[in-house]
Amino acid sequence: MKITLRRVYDTPDHTIGILQIGTHASMTIEDAFHAPKIQGKTRIPSGSYDVGLRQDSPMARRYADKFGDGHKGMIWVKNVPDFTYVYLHIGNESRDTEGCVLVGRTADIKKGFIGGSADAYKELYPLIMYAHKQGEQITITITDQFS
């Protein structure tokens, strides 16, 4: 499975993008770019990364409580240089993340807000889980396409 994330809007506070899996699309919000990295306030570098599930985390247990037995672990973007445990998850603003990618249905790019996050996550999660259960290699390719 190939996931793409095209970052399309960048401010000193947040980054807005479009995440796609086949015909499914979600909006995203991430932290801004900072060099050097500021812990908890910097988005991950563009590039291609393997994606898996991380089951043994407090966040995975909270999400299982929130989303039910079908939630088997966090969607984990693996092996990101200088970052640990980068997830795709719910949230509305860059302050809701510490380097992770938040998904939503709508975006207000000027205000740095995405809406419908839980609904977008509930649509995205089964797609990734299906590929994971089938033993498919799952990758995400992140590109910066700012205009």
Protein backbone atom coordinates (compact mmCIF):
# COMPACT_ATOMS: atom_id res chain seq x y z
CA MET A 1 0.00 0.00 0.00
CA LYS A 2 1.24 3.43 -0.89
CA ILE A 3 0.19 6.46 1.13
CA THR A 4 1.08 9.93 -0.11
CA LEU A 5 1.13 13.16 1.84
CA ARG A 6 1.47 16.36 -0.19
CA ARG A 7 2.19 19.32 2.05
CA VAL A 8 0.57 22.31 0.39
CA TYR A 9 0.55 25.18 2.91
CA ASP A 10 3.28 26.21 5.31
CA THR A 11 3.38 28.87 8.05
CA PRO A 12 5.72 29.49 10.99
CA ASP A 13 3.13 27.70 13.17
CA HIS A 14 1.66 24.83 11.15
CA THR A 15 1.70 22.83 7.93
CA ILE A 16 -1.42 21.74 5.99
CA GLY A 17 -1.42 18.80 3.59
CA ILE A 18 -3.48 16.27 1.69
CA LEU A 19 -3.06 12.59 2.52
CA GLN A 20 -4.15 10.04 -0.09
CA ILE A 21 -4.60 6.29 -0.18
CA GLY A 22 -5.94 5.37 -3.59
CA THR A 23 -9.10 7.43 -4.03
CA HIS A 24 -9.42 8.21 -0.30
CA ALA A 25 -8.20 11.66 0.73
CA SER A 26 -7.87 13.40 4.09
CA MET A 27 -6.59 16.79 5.11
CA THR A 28 -3.63 16.90 7.49
CA ILE A 29 -2.05 19.29 9.93
CA GLU A 30 1.47 19.06 11.29
CA ASP A 31 3.91 21.20 13.17
CA ALA A 32 5.94 23.76 11.25
CA PHE A 33 9.46 23.33 9.89
CA HIS A 34 12.28 24.30 12.25
CA ALA A 35 16.02 23.95 11.75
CA PRO A 36 17.42 22.93 14.04
CA LYS A 37 14.60 20.72 15.28
CA ILE A 38 12.61 22.02 18.24
CA GLN A 39 11.43 19.08 20.34
CA GLY A 40 7.65 18.69 20.08
CA LYS A 41 7.25 21.60 17.63
CA THR A 42 8.84 20.41 14.38
CA ARG A 43 7.32 18.38 11.55
CA ILE A 44 9.11 15.32 10.24
CA PRO A 45 11.29 15.64 7.14
CA SER A 46 9.83 14.93 3.72
CA GLY A 47 10.77 11.51 2.35
CA SER A 48 9.54 7.93 2.18
CA TYR A 49 8.97 5.86 5.31
CA ASP A 50 7.66 2.43 6.23
CA VAL A 51 4.35 2.35 8.08
CA GLY A 52 3.28 -0.24 10.64
CA LEU A 53 1.23 -0.62 13.78
CA ARG A 54 2.49 0.03 17.28
CA GLN A 55 0.41 -1.86 19.80
CA ASP A 56 2.37 -1.40 23.01
CA SER A 57 1.82 2.26 23.79
CA PRO A 58 -0.39 4.21 26.17
CA MET A 59 -1.85 6.02 23.16
CA ALA A 60 -2.83 2.70 21.54
CA ARG A 61 -4.68 1.71 24.71
CA ARG A 62 -6.50 5.07 24.83
CA TYR A 63 -7.49 4.71 21.16
CA ALA A 64 -8.73 1.14 21.75
CA ASP A 65 -10.96 2.51 24.51
CA LYS A 66 -12.15 5.34 22.26
CA PHE A 67 -12.61 3.43 18.99
CA GLY A 68 -13.36 -0.10 20.20
CA ASP A 69 -11.95 -3.57 19.73
CA GLY A 70 -11.23 -2.98 16.02
CA HIS A 71 -8.41 -0.62 16.96
CA LYS A 72 -5.33 -2.82 17.12
CA GLY A 73 -2.52 -0.27 17.41
CA MET A 74 -1.38 3.16 16.34
CA ILE A 75 -0.53 3.88 12.70
CA TRP A 76 3.22 4.30 13.07
CA VAL A 77 5.51 6.12 10.62
CA LYS A 78 8.75 4.24 11.25
CA ASN A 79 12.42 5.14 11.14
CA VAL A 80 12.08 8.91 10.87
CA PRO A 81 15.53 10.43 11.52
CA ASP A 82 15.71 12.18 14.92
CA PHE A 83 12.07 11.29 15.78
CA THR A 84 10.51 8.40 17.70
CA TYR A 85 6.96 7.09 17.55
CA VAL A 86 5.50 9.30 14.85
CA TYR A 87 1.82 8.44 14.39
CA LEU A 88 -1.09 9.32 12.15
CA HIS A 89 -3.83 10.26 14.61
CA ILE A 90 -6.68 12.59 15.53
CA GLY A 91 -6.43 16.24 16.54
CA ASN A 92 -7.38 19.65 15.27
CA GLU A 93 -4.39 21.98 15.61
CA SER A 94 -0.62 21.74 15.52
CA ARG A 95 -0.62 22.05 19.32
CA ASP A 96 -2.32 18.60 19.36
CA THR A 97 0.79 16.98 17.90
CA GLU A 98 4.45 16.59 18.72
CA GLY A 99 5.78 15.80 15.28
CA CYS A 100 2.90 13.49 14.31
CA VAL A 101 0.52 13.86 11.36
CA LEU A 102 -3.09 14.65 12.28
CA VAL A 103 -5.88 13.77 9.85
CA GLY A 104 -9.21 15.50 9.22
CA ARG A 105 -11.97 16.02 6.69
CA THR A 106 -11.77 19.82 6.39
CA ALA A 107 -9.09 22.44 6.80
CA ASP A 108 -8.98 26.13 7.56
CA ILE A 109 -5.48 26.82 6.31
CA LYS A 110 -5.26 30.38 7.63
CA LYS A 111 -6.38 29.46 11.17
CA GLY A 112 -4.36 26.23 11.25
CA PHE A 113 -7.34 24.02 12.03
CA ILE A 114 -8.64 20.72 10.67
CA GLY A 115 -12.17 19.49 11.39
CA GLY A 116 -13.79 16.08 11.35
CA SER A 117 -10.63 14.47 12.63
CA ALA A 118 -12.17 11.44 14.35
CA ASP A 119 -14.37 10.75 11.31
CA ALA A 120 -11.38 10.96 8.95
CA TYR A 121 -9.39 8.64 11.21
CA LYS A 122 -12.25 6.11 11.30
CA GLU A 123 -12.22 6.09 7.48
CA LEU A 124 -8.45 5.84 7.17
CA TYR A 125 -7.75 3.25 9.85
CA PRO A 126 -9.57 0.27 8.26
CA LEU A 127 -7.80 0.85 4.94
CA ILE A 128 -4.41 0.60 6.61
CA MET A 129 -5.49 -2.28 8.86
CA TYR A 130 -6.68 -4.29 5.86
CA ALA A 131 -3.32 -3.88 4.11
CA HIS A 132 -1.50 -4.72 7.35
CA LYS A 133 -3.54 -7.91 7.85
CA GLN A 134 -2.82 -8.91 4.24
CA GLY A 135 0.91 -8.61 4.93
CA GLU A 136 1.35 -5.77 2.45
CA GLN A 137 4.29 -3.44 2.76
CA ILE A 138 2.87 -0.03 3.67
CA THR A 139 4.82 3.13 2.88
CA ILE A 140 4.15 6.85 3.13
CA THR A 141 5.84 9.34 0.83
CA ILE A 142 5.80 12.93 2.04
CA THR A 143 6.50 15.79 -0.35
CA ASP A 144 6.60 19.55 0.12
CA GLN A 145 4.60 21.21 -2.67
CA PHE A 146 4.19 24.74 -1.38
CA SER A 147 3.09 27.37 -3.87
